[in-house]
N, C-alpha and C. Protein backbone atom coordinates (compact mmCIF):
# COMPACT_ATOMS: atom_id res chain seq x y z
N UNK A 1 67.18 -8.00 -51.41
CA UNK A 1 68.60 -7.32 -52.60
C UNK A 1 69.14 -8.45 -52.58
N UNK A 2 69.35 -9.06 -51.97
CA UNK A 2 70.14 -10.42 -51.68
C UNK A 2 69.64 -12.06 -52.23
N UNK A 3 68.50 -11.36 -52.21
CA UNK A 3 67.63 -12.85 -53.22
C UNK A 3 68.15 -12.80 -54.88
N UNK A 4 68.69 -11.82 -55.39
CA UNK A 4 69.49 -11.44 -57.06
C UNK A 4 70.71 -12.43 -56.56
N UNK A 5 71.19 -13.02 -55.67
CA UNK A 5 72.77 -13.38 -55.83
C UNK A 5 71.99 -14.90 -55.37
N UNK A 6 71.07 -15.30 -55.26
CA UNK A 6 70.99 -16.61 -54.97
C UNK A 6 70.17 -16.74 -56.47
N UNK A 7 69.48 -16.10 -56.80
CA UNK A 7 68.96 -16.30 -58.62
C UNK A 7 70.32 -16.43 -59.68
N UNK A 8 71.64 -15.22 -59.24
CA UNK A 8 73.02 -15.70 -60.10
C UNK A 8 73.51 -16.93 -60.26
N UNK A 9 73.63 -16.84 -58.68
CA UNK A 9 74.21 -18.18 -57.94
C UNK A 9 73.47 -19.65 -58.94
N UNK A 10 72.09 -19.80 -58.78
CA UNK A 10 71.56 -21.02 -59.54
C UNK A 10 72.04 -20.25 -60.94
N UNK A 11 71.52 -19.19 -61.87
CA UNK A 11 71.53 -19.47 -63.55
C UNK A 11 72.99 -19.80 -63.69
N UNK A 12 73.82 -19.29 -62.74
CA UNK A 12 75.64 -19.78 -63.03
C UNK A 12 75.64 -21.09 -62.94
N UNK A 13 75.01 -21.81 -62.30
CA UNK A 13 75.04 -23.48 -61.72
C UNK A 13 74.39 -23.79 -62.93
N UNK A 14 73.38 -23.40 -63.95
CA UNK A 14 72.49 -24.05 -64.64
C UNK A 14 73.69 -23.85 -66.37
N UNK A 15 74.26 -22.79 -66.43
CA UNK A 15 75.14 -22.70 -67.57
C UNK A 15 76.15 -23.59 -67.30
N UNK A 16 76.36 -23.67 -66.05
CA UNK A 16 78.09 -24.62 -65.85
C UNK A 16 77.14 -26.08 -66.17
N UNK A 17 75.83 -26.44 -66.24
CA UNK A 17 75.92 -27.84 -66.62
C UNK A 17 75.56 -27.97 -68.30
N UNK A 18 75.66 -27.14 -68.85
CA UNK A 18 75.34 -26.90 -70.50
C UNK A 18 76.64 -26.27 -71.50
N UNK A 19 77.81 -25.88 -69.80
CA UNK A 19 78.64 -25.52 -70.66
C UNK A 19 80.27 -26.45 -71.14
N UNK A 20 80.43 -26.21 -71.41
CA UNK A 20 82.20 -27.47 -71.46
C UNK A 20 83.28 -26.48 -71.13
N UNK A 21 84.24 -27.37 -71.35
CA UNK A 21 85.68 -26.61 -71.12
C UNK A 21 86.02 -25.59 -69.57
N UNK A 22 86.68 -25.11 -69.62
CA UNK A 22 87.41 -24.12 -68.72
C UNK A 22 85.78 -23.01 -68.22
N UNK A 23 84.73 -22.83 -69.06
CA UNK A 23 84.39 -22.02 -69.10
C UNK A 23 83.15 -22.91 -68.01
N UNK A 24 82.73 -24.32 -67.31
CA UNK A 24 82.65 -24.95 -66.83
C UNK A 24 82.96 -24.19 -65.21
N UNK A 25 84.90 -24.40 -65.10
CA UNK A 25 85.14 -24.46 -64.06
C UNK A 25 85.01 -22.72 -63.56
N UNK A 26 84.75 -21.49 -64.44
CA UNK A 26 84.60 -20.18 -64.67
C UNK A 26 83.03 -20.16 -63.84
N UNK A 27 82.49 -20.27 -64.34
CA UNK A 27 80.97 -21.16 -63.99
C UNK A 27 80.77 -21.04 -62.52
N UNK A 28 81.34 -22.36 -62.35
CA UNK A 28 81.23 -22.69 -61.00
C UNK A 28 81.82 -21.89 -60.34
N UNK A 29 82.81 -21.08 -60.10
CA UNK A 29 83.30 -20.48 -59.28
C UNK A 29 82.20 -19.13 -58.90
N UNK A 30 82.33 -18.40 -60.49
CA UNK A 30 80.93 -17.73 -60.06
C UNK A 30 79.82 -17.65 -59.52
N UNK A 31 79.35 -18.86 -59.35
CA UNK A 31 77.82 -19.54 -58.60
C UNK A 31 78.41 -20.00 -57.11
N UNK A 32 79.80 -20.04 -56.87
CA UNK A 32 80.23 -20.11 -55.57
C UNK A 32 80.50 -18.81 -54.90
N UNK A 33 80.92 -17.82 -55.78
CA UNK A 33 81.45 -16.66 -54.86
C UNK A 33 79.45 -15.52 -55.19
N UNK A 34 78.79 -15.69 -56.10
CA UNK A 34 77.44 -15.76 -55.39
C UNK A 34 76.64 -15.89 -54.59
N UNK A 35 76.65 -17.36 -54.51
CA UNK A 35 76.15 -18.01 -53.70
C UNK A 35 76.22 -17.77 -52.00
N UNK A 36 77.62 -17.51 -51.64
CA UNK A 36 78.31 -16.39 -50.34
C UNK A 36 77.84 -15.58 -50.36
N UNK A 37 77.58 -14.64 -51.25
CA UNK A 37 77.51 -12.83 -51.51
C UNK A 37 75.99 -13.36 -50.68
N UNK A 38 75.22 -14.55 -51.33
CA UNK A 38 73.89 -14.32 -50.74
C UNK A 38 73.49 -14.69 -49.44
N UNK A 39 74.51 -15.26 -48.90
CA UNK A 39 74.67 -16.18 -47.64
C UNK A 39 74.47 -14.96 -46.63
N UNK A 40 75.84 -14.24 -47.15
CA UNK A 40 76.12 -13.05 -46.37
C UNK A 40 75.63 -12.13 -45.68
N UNK A 41 74.71 -11.74 -47.54
CA UNK A 41 72.98 -11.03 -47.77
C UNK A 41 72.39 -11.16 -46.45
N UNK A 42 71.83 -12.67 -46.48
CA UNK A 42 70.75 -12.98 -45.58
C UNK A 42 71.18 -12.89 -44.30
N UNK A 43 72.40 -13.23 -43.88
CA UNK A 43 73.00 -13.47 -42.39
C UNK A 43 72.08 -11.71 -41.72
N UNK A 44 73.11 -10.91 -43.15
CA UNK A 44 73.09 -9.25 -42.45
C UNK A 44 71.78 -9.10 -42.23
N UNK A 45 70.52 -9.24 -43.16
CA UNK A 45 69.13 -8.86 -42.80
C UNK A 45 68.60 -9.99 -41.83
N UNK A 46 69.42 -10.68 -41.03
CA UNK A 46 68.00 -11.62 -40.12
C UNK A 46 68.83 -10.74 -38.85
N UNK A 47 70.54 -10.60 -38.92
CA UNK A 47 70.84 -9.69 -37.39
C UNK A 47 70.48 -8.58 -38.20
N UNK A 48 70.17 -7.42 -38.81
CA UNK A 48 69.44 -6.10 -39.04
C UNK A 48 68.00 -6.97 -38.46
N UNK A 49 67.73 -7.60 -38.85
CA UNK A 49 65.82 -7.71 -38.79
C UNK A 49 65.81 -7.68 -36.64
N UNK A 50 67.11 -8.32 -36.17
CA UNK A 50 66.53 -8.46 -34.36
C UNK A 50 67.45 -7.47 -33.70
N UNK A 51 68.49 -6.40 -34.38
CA UNK A 51 68.98 -5.91 -34.06
C UNK A 51 68.08 -4.03 -32.96
N UNK A 52 68.25 -3.80 -32.08
CA UNK A 52 67.49 -2.44 -31.41
C UNK A 52 67.68 -1.50 -32.59
N UNK A 53 66.65 -0.21 -32.42
CA UNK A 53 67.64 0.54 -32.94
C UNK A 53 67.92 1.36 -32.38
N UNK A 54 68.92 2.83 -32.84
CA UNK A 54 69.58 3.68 -31.74
C UNK A 54 68.44 4.25 -30.80
N UNK A 55 67.38 4.40 -31.55
CA UNK A 55 66.30 5.62 -30.76
C UNK A 55 66.05 5.01 -29.49
N UNK A 56 66.48 3.86 -28.89
CA UNK A 56 66.21 3.54 -27.75
C UNK A 56 67.43 3.30 -27.16
N UNK A 57 68.54 3.38 -27.35
CA UNK A 57 69.94 3.34 -26.25
C UNK A 57 69.71 4.67 -25.77
N UNK A 58 69.96 4.49 -24.44
CA UNK A 58 69.91 5.63 -23.85
C UNK A 58 71.73 5.84 -24.03
N UNK A 59 71.63 7.39 -22.72
CA UNK A 59 72.36 8.44 -23.26
C UNK A 59 72.99 7.91 -21.93
N UNK A 60 74.97 8.72 -21.79
CA UNK A 60 74.86 8.57 -20.28
C UNK A 60 74.66 9.45 -19.12
N UNK A 61 73.94 10.73 -19.43
CA UNK A 61 73.32 11.70 -18.41
C UNK A 61 71.98 11.08 -18.13
N UNK A 62 71.10 9.71 -18.82
CA UNK A 62 70.04 9.46 -19.12
C UNK A 62 70.18 8.36 -18.26
N UNK A 63 71.24 7.47 -18.01
CA UNK A 63 71.73 6.61 -16.75
C UNK A 63 71.88 7.08 -16.06
N UNK A 64 72.09 8.00 -16.17
CA UNK A 64 72.97 8.98 -14.23
C UNK A 64 72.02 9.38 -13.52
N UNK A 65 70.67 9.76 -14.42
CA UNK A 65 69.55 10.12 -14.18
C UNK A 65 68.60 9.64 -13.35
N UNK A 66 68.50 8.03 -14.10
CA UNK A 66 68.15 6.90 -13.79
C UNK A 66 68.19 6.32 -12.46
N UNK A 67 69.90 6.15 -12.44
CA UNK A 67 70.35 5.66 -11.20
C UNK A 67 69.69 6.80 -9.71
N UNK A 68 69.99 8.03 -10.11
CA UNK A 68 69.58 9.21 -8.93
C UNK A 68 68.58 8.62 -8.79
N UNK A 69 67.51 9.02 -9.82
CA UNK A 69 66.29 9.06 -9.00
C UNK A 69 65.78 7.33 -8.69
N UNK A 70 66.39 6.10 -8.62
CA UNK A 70 65.74 5.17 -8.58
C UNK A 70 66.88 4.54 -6.88
N UNK A 71 68.19 5.56 -6.55
CA UNK A 71 68.65 6.12 -5.08
C UNK A 71 67.42 6.50 -4.65
N UNK A 72 67.04 7.35 -4.88
CA UNK A 72 66.15 8.43 -4.02
C UNK A 72 65.23 7.86 -3.96
N UNK A 73 64.59 6.99 -4.59
CA UNK A 73 63.29 6.33 -4.24
C UNK A 73 63.14 5.15 -3.09
N UNK A 74 64.72 4.29 -3.34
CA UNK A 74 65.10 3.50 -2.21
C UNK A 74 65.30 4.28 -1.01
N UNK A 75 66.10 5.53 -0.64
CA UNK A 75 66.21 6.06 0.36
C UNK A 75 64.70 6.46 0.98
N UNK A 76 64.03 7.03 0.76
CA UNK A 76 62.39 7.28 0.75
C UNK A 76 62.29 6.04 1.42
N UNK A 77 61.80 4.63 0.33
CA UNK A 77 61.41 3.82 0.83
C UNK A 77 61.90 3.00 1.94
N UNK A 78 63.06 3.78 2.02
CA UNK A 78 63.90 3.11 3.80
C UNK A 78 63.60 3.56 4.33
N UNK A 79 63.58 4.82 4.19
CA UNK A 79 63.20 5.94 5.43
C UNK A 79 61.54 5.71 5.96
N UNK A 80 60.78 5.54 4.78
CA UNK A 80 59.32 5.12 5.74
C UNK A 80 58.55 4.35 6.68
N UNK A 81 59.82 3.17 6.75
CA UNK A 81 59.68 2.34 7.86
C UNK A 81 59.97 2.36 8.73
N UNK A 82 61.48 2.98 9.12
CA UNK A 82 61.97 3.93 10.38
C UNK A 82 60.93 4.70 11.00
N UNK A 83 60.11 5.64 10.16
CA UNK A 83 59.08 7.04 10.73
C UNK A 83 57.74 6.05 11.33
N UNK A 84 57.48 4.99 10.25
CA UNK A 84 56.37 4.77 11.01
C UNK A 84 56.21 3.55 12.32
N UNK A 85 57.54 3.13 12.60
CA UNK A 85 58.19 2.44 14.16
C UNK A 85 57.95 3.57 14.92
N UNK A 86 58.78 4.74 14.86
CA UNK A 86 58.73 5.30 16.05
C UNK A 86 57.18 5.65 16.86
């Protein structure tokens, strides 16, 4: 969708080349606005493409559960070497 803004900006710029008077200024301002809209849409699409989906975000409960499991594994691995040395 954001590519349409670039096409509009180029069309307005081409129209400004053939126009005269105040119309040139209006067409150039319109071209600038359309170009900025294209640039913002392009940047937004690039950022969205690299973002993670919301399904991958862990809830606080899942984080707490993972911490408890890691602590239990750490305690179990720390307890094993002591029992083999005795």
